[in-house]
N, C-alpha and C. Protein backbone atom coordinates (compact mmCIF):
# COMPACT_ATOMS: atom_id res chain seq x y z
N UNK A 1 84.77 -24.86 84.96
CA UNK A 1 84.37 -24.86 83.33
C UNK A 1 83.51 -25.97 83.13
N UNK A 2 83.51 -27.07 83.60
CA UNK A 2 82.56 -28.23 83.70
C UNK A 2 81.19 -27.78 84.19
N UNK A 3 81.45 -27.37 85.25
CA UNK A 3 80.16 -26.82 85.99
C UNK A 3 79.32 -25.98 85.16
N UNK A 4 80.21 -24.79 84.69
CA UNK A 4 79.43 -23.87 83.66
C UNK A 4 78.34 -24.57 82.34
N UNK A 5 79.29 -25.39 81.87
CA UNK A 5 78.62 -25.74 80.97
C UNK A 5 77.27 -26.64 81.23
N UNK A 6 77.39 -27.54 82.35
CA UNK A 6 76.13 -28.26 82.94
C UNK A 6 74.98 -27.53 83.29
N UNK A 7 75.55 -26.42 84.18
CA UNK A 7 74.49 -25.36 84.22
C UNK A 7 73.71 -24.84 82.98
N UNK A 8 74.66 -24.17 82.42
CA UNK A 8 74.17 -23.42 81.10
C UNK A 8 73.40 -24.25 80.59
N UNK A 9 73.75 -25.47 80.20
CA UNK A 9 72.96 -26.63 79.03
C UNK A 9 71.50 -26.50 79.95
N UNK A 10 71.09 -26.67 81.08
CA UNK A 10 70.08 -27.05 81.47
C UNK A 10 68.94 -25.77 81.32
N UNK A 11 69.54 -24.46 81.42
CA UNK A 11 69.16 -23.36 81.19
C UNK A 11 68.58 -22.95 79.75
N UNK A 12 69.86 -23.43 78.64
CA UNK A 12 69.61 -23.46 77.55
C UNK A 12 68.52 -24.06 76.74
N UNK A 13 68.27 -25.26 77.30
CA UNK A 13 67.10 -26.21 77.07
C UNK A 13 65.99 -25.84 77.41
N UNK A 14 65.96 -25.35 78.27
CA UNK A 14 64.53 -24.74 78.84
C UNK A 14 64.18 -23.52 78.57
N UNK A 15 64.91 -22.43 78.06
CA UNK A 15 64.45 -21.17 77.83
C UNK A 15 64.80 -20.86 76.44
N UNK A 16 65.62 -21.52 75.62
CA UNK A 16 66.16 -21.04 74.19
C UNK A 16 64.80 -21.24 73.35
N UNK A 17 64.62 -20.08 72.60
CA UNK A 17 63.47 -19.85 71.65
C UNK A 17 63.51 -21.16 70.28
N UNK A 18 64.94 -21.59 69.95
CA UNK A 18 65.07 -22.34 69.18
C UNK A 18 64.56 -23.78 69.64
N UNK A 19 64.72 -24.05 70.68
CA UNK A 19 64.61 -25.07 71.52
C UNK A 19 62.90 -25.34 71.63
N UNK A 20 62.20 -24.32 72.05
CA UNK A 20 60.92 -24.27 72.58
C UNK A 20 59.97 -24.44 70.97
N UNK A 21 60.50 -23.90 69.96
CA UNK A 21 59.58 -23.87 68.85
C UNK A 21 59.88 -25.05 68.06
N UNK A 22 61.06 -25.78 68.52
CA UNK A 22 61.39 -27.06 67.64
C UNK A 22 60.72 -28.24 68.60
N UNK A 23 61.10 -28.26 69.75
CA UNK A 23 60.84 -30.01 70.37
C UNK A 23 59.03 -30.05 70.53
N UNK A 24 58.19 -29.15 70.55
CA UNK A 24 56.82 -29.62 70.71
C UNK A 24 56.30 -30.54 69.32
N UNK A 25 56.86 -29.72 68.02
CA UNK A 25 56.24 -30.30 66.79
C UNK A 25 57.31 -31.59 66.61
N UNK A 26 58.10 -32.28 67.41
CA UNK A 26 58.73 -33.09 66.93
C UNK A 26 58.13 -34.43 66.52
N UNK A 27 58.31 -35.13 65.63
CA UNK A 27 57.85 -36.84 65.67
C UNK A 27 58.49 -37.74 65.56
N UNK A 28 59.93 -37.15 65.85
CA UNK A 28 61.19 -38.31 65.87
C UNK A 28 61.58 -38.59 67.23
N UNK A 29 62.52 -38.33 67.61
CA UNK A 29 63.62 -37.89 68.72
C UNK A 29 63.95 -37.20 69.21
N UNK A 30 63.50 -36.42 70.28
CA UNK A 30 63.58 -35.00 70.91
C UNK A 30 64.87 -34.96 71.27
N UNK A 31 65.54 -36.21 71.68
CA UNK A 31 66.84 -36.20 72.39
C UNK A 31 67.86 -35.85 71.17
N UNK A 32 67.78 -36.14 69.94
CA UNK A 32 68.53 -35.72 68.98
C UNK A 32 68.45 -34.43 68.63
N UNK A 33 67.28 -33.78 68.80
CA UNK A 33 67.00 -32.30 68.44
C UNK A 33 67.88 -31.46 69.39
N UNK A 34 67.92 -32.04 70.68
CA UNK A 34 68.30 -31.15 71.97
C UNK A 34 69.72 -31.40 71.87
N UNK A 35 70.54 -32.63 71.28
CA UNK A 35 71.81 -32.35 71.06
C UNK A 35 72.35 -31.60 70.14
N UNK A 36 71.53 -31.57 68.72
CA UNK A 36 71.95 -30.68 68.05
C UNK A 36 71.92 -29.37 68.40
N UNK A 37 71.20 -28.52 68.93
CA UNK A 37 71.16 -27.39 69.59
C UNK A 37 72.41 -27.50 70.50
N UNK A 38 72.65 -28.32 71.62
CA UNK A 38 73.86 -28.21 72.34
C UNK A 38 74.98 -27.97 71.42
N UNK A 39 75.31 -28.88 70.41
CA UNK A 39 76.28 -28.87 69.57
C UNK A 39 76.44 -27.60 68.81
N UNK A 40 75.32 -27.01 68.42
CA UNK A 40 75.37 -25.26 67.89
C UNK A 40 75.79 -24.48 68.95
N UNK A 41 75.65 -24.69 70.02
CA UNK A 41 75.97 -23.68 71.25
C UNK A 41 77.22 -24.02 71.00
N UNK A 42 77.67 -25.38 71.34
CA UNK A 42 79.08 -25.38 71.67
C UNK A 42 80.04 -25.00 70.59
N UNK A 43 79.56 -25.12 69.35
CA UNK A 43 80.48 -24.81 68.14
C UNK A 43 80.53 -23.23 68.23
N UNK A 44 79.69 -22.41 68.51
CA UNK A 44 79.84 -21.02 68.73
C UNK A 44 80.72 -20.42 70.16
N UNK A 45 80.51 -21.40 71.18
CA UNK A 45 81.72 -21.68 72.08
C UNK A 45 83.22 -21.62 71.30
N UNK A 46 83.08 -22.85 70.62
CA UNK A 46 84.55 -23.13 70.30
C UNK A 46 85.25 -21.95 68.95
N UNK A 47 84.04 -21.46 68.43
CA UNK A 47 84.58 -20.63 67.62
C UNK A 47 84.66 -19.38 68.06
N UNK A 48 84.85 -19.01 69.41
CA UNK A 48 84.92 -17.46 70.20
C UNK A 48 83.68 -16.74 69.71
N UNK A 49 82.87 -17.24 69.34
CA UNK A 49 81.72 -16.07 68.72
C UNK A 49 80.71 -15.69 69.91
N UNK A 50 80.97 -14.73 70.84
CA UNK A 50 80.34 -14.47 71.88
C UNK A 50 78.78 -13.98 71.47
N UNK A 51 78.75 -13.47 70.05
CA UNK A 51 77.11 -13.01 69.78
C UNK A 51 76.29 -13.99 69.74
N UNK A 52 76.87 -15.25 68.96
CA UNK A 52 75.77 -16.41 68.65
C UNK A 52 75.86 -17.12 69.95
N UNK A 53 76.90 -17.06 71.03
CA UNK A 53 77.11 -17.97 72.24
C UNK A 53 76.13 -17.69 72.97
N UNK A 54 75.87 -16.11 73.24
CA UNK A 54 75.25 -15.64 74.49
C UNK A 54 73.62 -15.42 73.58
N UNK A 55 73.29 -15.67 72.41
CA UNK A 55 72.17 -15.77 71.96
C UNK A 55 71.44 -16.97 72.43
N UNK A 56 72.29 -17.80 73.07
CA UNK A 56 71.60 -19.25 73.63
C UNK A 56 71.28 -19.29 74.94
N UNK A 57 71.52 -18.06 75.73
CA UNK A 57 71.91 -17.81 77.17
C UNK A 57 70.50 -16.85 77.49
N UNK A 58 69.82 -17.38 78.51
CA UNK A 58 68.69 -16.62 79.17
C UNK A 58 69.21 -15.64 79.94
N UNK A 59 68.41 -14.39 79.90
CA UNK A 59 69.29 -13.35 80.68
C UNK A 59 69.21 -13.11 82.06
N UNK A 60 68.23 -14.37 82.56
CA UNK A 60 68.44 -14.74 84.30
C UNK A 60 69.32 -15.53 84.61
N UNK A 61 70.34 -16.13 83.36
CA UNK A 61 71.18 -17.29 83.83
C UNK A 61 72.08 -16.92 85.47
N UNK A 62 72.14 -18.00 86.12
CA UNK A 62 72.89 -18.06 87.40
C UNK A 62 73.94 -19.29 87.24
N UNK A 63 75.21 -18.82 87.30
CA UNK A 63 76.52 -19.74 87.35
C UNK A 63 76.80 -19.82 88.77
N UNK A 64 77.51 -21.22 89.00
CA UNK A 64 78.72 -21.26 89.68
C UNK A 64 80.01 -21.77 89.20
N UNK A 65 81.06 -21.28 89.40
CA UNK A 65 81.81 -21.68 88.88
C UNK A 65 83.14 -22.07 89.76
N UNK A 66 83.79 -23.47 89.36
CA UNK A 66 85.00 -23.51 90.42
C UNK A 66 86.22 -23.06 90.49
N UNK A 67 86.13 -21.77 89.42
CA UNK A 67 87.45 -20.91 89.76
C UNK A 67 86.99 -19.48 90.71
N UNK A 68 85.81 -19.47 91.16
CA UNK A 68 85.42 -18.61 91.83
C UNK A 68 84.42 -18.72 92.74
N UNK A 69 84.78 -17.91 94.02
CA UNK A 69 83.85 -18.19 95.49
C UNK A 69 82.50 -17.71 95.56
N UNK A 70 82.40 -16.95 94.12
CA UNK A 70 81.23 -16.18 94.00
C UNK A 70 80.17 -16.59 93.15
N UNK A 71 78.90 -16.75 93.29
CA UNK A 71 77.70 -16.66 92.20
C UNK A 71 77.81 -15.89 91.16
N UNK A 72 77.51 -16.15 90.06
CA UNK A 72 77.23 -15.10 88.89
C UNK A 72 76.01 -15.14 88.55
N UNK A 73 75.03 -13.71 88.66
CA UNK A 73 73.85 -13.91 88.19
C UNK A 73 73.65 -12.94 87.13
N UNK A 74 73.01 -13.54 86.17
CA UNK A 74 72.87 -12.55 84.72
C UNK A 74 73.78 -12.87 83.82
N UNK A 75 73.21 -12.66 82.73
CA UNK A 75 73.96 -12.74 81.37
C UNK A 75 74.94 -11.69 81.20
N UNK A 76 74.54 -10.68 81.67
CA UNK A 76 75.15 -9.66 81.87
C UNK A 76 76.75 -9.70 82.03
N UNK A 77 76.72 -10.01 83.26
CA UNK A 77 78.05 -10.04 84.14
C UNK A 77 78.72 -11.25 83.69
N UNK A 78 78.23 -12.20 83.23
CA UNK A 78 78.75 -13.46 82.70
C UNK A 78 79.25 -13.03 81.22
N UNK A 79 79.06 -12.38 80.54
CA UNK A 79 79.12 -12.08 79.36
C UNK A 79 80.36 -10.80 79.04
N UNK A 80 80.18 -10.22 80.00
CA UNK A 80 81.38 -9.38 80.44
C UNK A 80 82.81 -9.84 81.00
N UNK A 81 82.69 -11.02 81.67
CA UNK A 81 83.93 -11.57 81.87
C UNK A 81 84.16 -12.24 80.81
N UNK A 82 83.37 -12.95 80.22
CA UNK A 82 83.78 -13.82 78.79
C UNK A 82 84.18 -13.25 77.70
N UNK A 83 83.64 -11.98 77.65
CA UNK A 83 84.40 -10.87 76.32
C UNK A 83 85.43 -10.39 76.61
N UNK A 84 85.85 -10.18 78.39
CA UNK A 84 86.70 -9.88 78.69
C UNK A 84 88.04 -10.41 78.44
N UNK A 85 88.09 -11.88 79.04
CA UNK A 85 89.05 -12.93 79.06
C UNK A 85 88.95 -13.30 77.75
N UNK A 86 88.43 -13.15 76.61
CA UNK A 86 88.67 -13.58 75.20
C UNK A 86 89.47 -12.67 74.49
N UNK A 87 89.17 -11.31 74.89
CA UNK A 87 89.99 -10.21 74.75
C UNK A 87 91.26 -10.01 74.88
N UNK A 88 91.47 -10.71 76.14
CA UNK A 88 93.08 -10.94 76.67
C UNK A 88 93.74 -12.42 76.44
N UNK A 89 92.87 -12.87 75.87
CA UNK A 89 93.43 -14.12 75.24
C UNK A 89 93.26 -15.32 76.10
N UNK A 90 92.93 -14.97 77.45
CA UNK A 90 92.83 -15.91 78.08
C UNK A 90 91.95 -17.01 78.15
N UNK A 91 90.89 -17.07 77.67
CA UNK A 91 89.70 -18.08 77.60
C UNK A 91 89.35 -18.47 75.88
N UNK A 92 90.58 -17.69 75.58
CA UNK A 92 90.22 -18.16 73.85
C UNK A 92 90.15 -19.90 73.54
N UNK A 93 89.31 -20.15 72.89
CA UNK A 93 88.90 -21.69 72.63
C UNK A 93 89.12 -22.10 71.76
N UNK A 94 90.04 -23.32 71.69
CA UNK A 94 90.44 -23.85 69.70
C UNK A 94 90.11 -24.98 69.54
N UNK A 95 89.57 -25.79 70.71
CA UNK A 95 88.73 -26.96 70.45
C UNK A 95 88.00 -27.35 71.98
N UNK A 96 86.62 -27.81 71.78
CA UNK A 96 85.82 -28.18 72.69
C UNK A 96 85.01 -29.62 72.14
N UNK A 97 84.75 -30.38 72.95
CA UNK A 97 84.23 -31.64 72.72
C UNK A 97 83.35 -32.19 73.90
N UNK A 98 81.93 -32.28 73.45
CA UNK A 98 81.30 -32.63 74.46
C UNK A 98 81.15 -34.25 74.57
N UNK A 99 81.68 -34.90 75.50
CA UNK A 99 81.93 -36.31 75.73
C UNK A 99 80.75 -37.23 76.32
N UNK A 100 80.27 -38.04 75.91
CA UNK A 100 78.94 -38.89 76.62
C UNK A 100 77.85 -38.13 77.17
N UNK A 101 77.20 -37.45 75.90
CA UNK A 101 75.90 -36.62 76.27
C UNK A 101 75.06 -37.49 76.97
N UNK A 102 73.75 -37.02 77.71
CA UNK A 102 72.96 -37.60 77.93
C UNK A 102 71.85 -36.81 77.93
N UNK A 103 70.76 -37.13 77.62
CA UNK A 103 69.92 -36.18 77.40
C UNK A 103 68.36 -36.81 78.58
N UNK A 104 68.12 -36.32 79.31
CA UNK A 104 66.68 -36.41 79.90
C UNK A 104 65.46 -35.54 79.65
N UNK A 105 64.49 -35.69 78.78
CA UNK A 105 63.55 -34.84 78.44
C UNK A 105 62.56 -34.96 79.62
N UNK A 106 62.19 -33.65 80.15
CA UNK A 106 61.35 -33.21 81.37
C UNK A 106 60.16 -33.16 80.77
N UNK A 107 59.95 -32.50 79.76
CA UNK A 107 58.60 -32.00 79.05
C UNK A 107 58.82 -31.99 77.65
N UNK A 108 58.14 -31.34 76.83
CA UNK A 108 58.31 -31.33 75.24
C UNK A 108 58.95 -29.93 75.43
N UNK A 109 59.45 -29.35 76.16
CA UNK A 109 60.21 -27.83 75.84
C UNK A 109 61.31 -27.82 76.99
N UNK A 110 61.63 -29.01 78.14
CA UNK A 110 62.41 -28.86 78.89
C UNK A 110 63.41 -30.15 79.03
N UNK A 111 64.79 -29.96 78.87
CA UNK A 111 65.39 -31.01 79.50
C UNK A 111 66.75 -30.88 80.01
N UNK A 112 67.31 -31.97 80.76
CA UNK A 112 68.41 -31.72 81.40
C UNK A 112 69.56 -32.53 80.33
N UNK A 113 70.61 -31.99 80.23
CA UNK A 113 71.77 -32.53 79.66
C UNK A 113 72.82 -32.51 80.23
N UNK A 114 73.83 -33.61 80.54
CA UNK A 114 74.72 -33.76 80.89
C UNK A 114 75.98 -34.47 80.13
N UNK A 115 77.10 -33.82 80.35
CA UNK A 115 78.42 -34.69 79.31
C UNK A 115 79.38 -34.24 80.11
N UNK A 116 80.40 -34.82 79.89
CA UNK A 116 81.74 -34.21 80.28
C UNK A 116 82.28 -33.63 78.86
N UNK A 117 83.56 -32.85 79.36
CA UNK A 117 83.98 -31.80 78.06
C UNK A 117 85.46 -31.86 78.39
N UNK A 118 85.95 -31.74 76.91
CA UNK A 118 87.72 -31.24 77.04
C UNK A 118 87.84 -30.31 75.97
N UNK A 119 88.75 -29.68 76.31
CA UNK A 119 88.76 -28.60 75.34
C UNK A 119 90.40 -28.10 75.24
N UNK A 120 90.75 -27.09 74.67
CA UNK A 120 91.99 -26.38 74.40
C UNK A 120 91.61 -25.03 74.72
N UNK A 121 92.16 -24.26 75.86
CA UNK A 121 91.91 -22.90 75.87
C UNK A 121 93.16 -22.27 76.29
N UNK A 122 93.15 -20.84 75.82
CA UNK A 122 94.22 -19.83 76.45
C UNK A 122 95.04 -19.60 75.18
N UNK A 123 95.60 -18.16 74.93
CA UNK A 123 96.71 -17.97 74.01
C UNK A 123 97.23 -18.88 73.35
N UNK A 124 97.63 -18.78 71.90
CA UNK A 124 98.40 -19.85 71.34
C UNK A 124 99.93 -20.21 71.85
N UNK A 125 100.43 -19.20 72.79
CA UNK A 125 101.45 -19.33 73.03
C UNK A 125 101.32 -20.19 74.45
N UNK A 126 100.21 -20.08 74.92
CA UNK A 126 100.03 -20.83 76.50
C UNK A 126 98.68 -21.53 76.52
N UNK A 127 98.47 -21.96 75.46
CA UNK A 127 97.05 -23.39 74.97
C UNK A 127 97.58 -24.59 76.34
N UNK A 128 96.12 -24.91 76.69
CA UNK A 128 96.22 -25.98 77.59
C UNK A 128 94.96 -26.50 77.40
N UNK A 129 95.20 -28.18 77.40
CA UNK A 129 94.06 -29.07 77.43
C UNK A 129 93.49 -29.04 78.37
N UNK A 130 92.29 -28.83 78.85
CA UNK A 130 91.35 -29.41 80.29
C UNK A 130 90.50 -29.99 79.82
């Protein structure tokens, strides 16, 4: 799951219209603005709000996840699995934290964000901290 976050974050920051519209006009610290968007995205993940969560994801996302030997191409396939898992209770999130975030600004509209994460996942009966 950590790899998903890192890859997705890079895509969000470089393609999300919320970020693209705000960063070029900043006069303060763009890193803080980027982290605010990342926190909003992660809050939608933590609240299991797939509609809001996927509003931050580009249609052409590519994921490599440790739990699968296959590459996932495109938001449609990622969303299908995400929502199926939520409906089954397998990937329900009740806590998500980004720890030690680092922002590297590449330009006015793109950045690389890395962080460690931990969270509590699974149905109420089978919650596990990762």
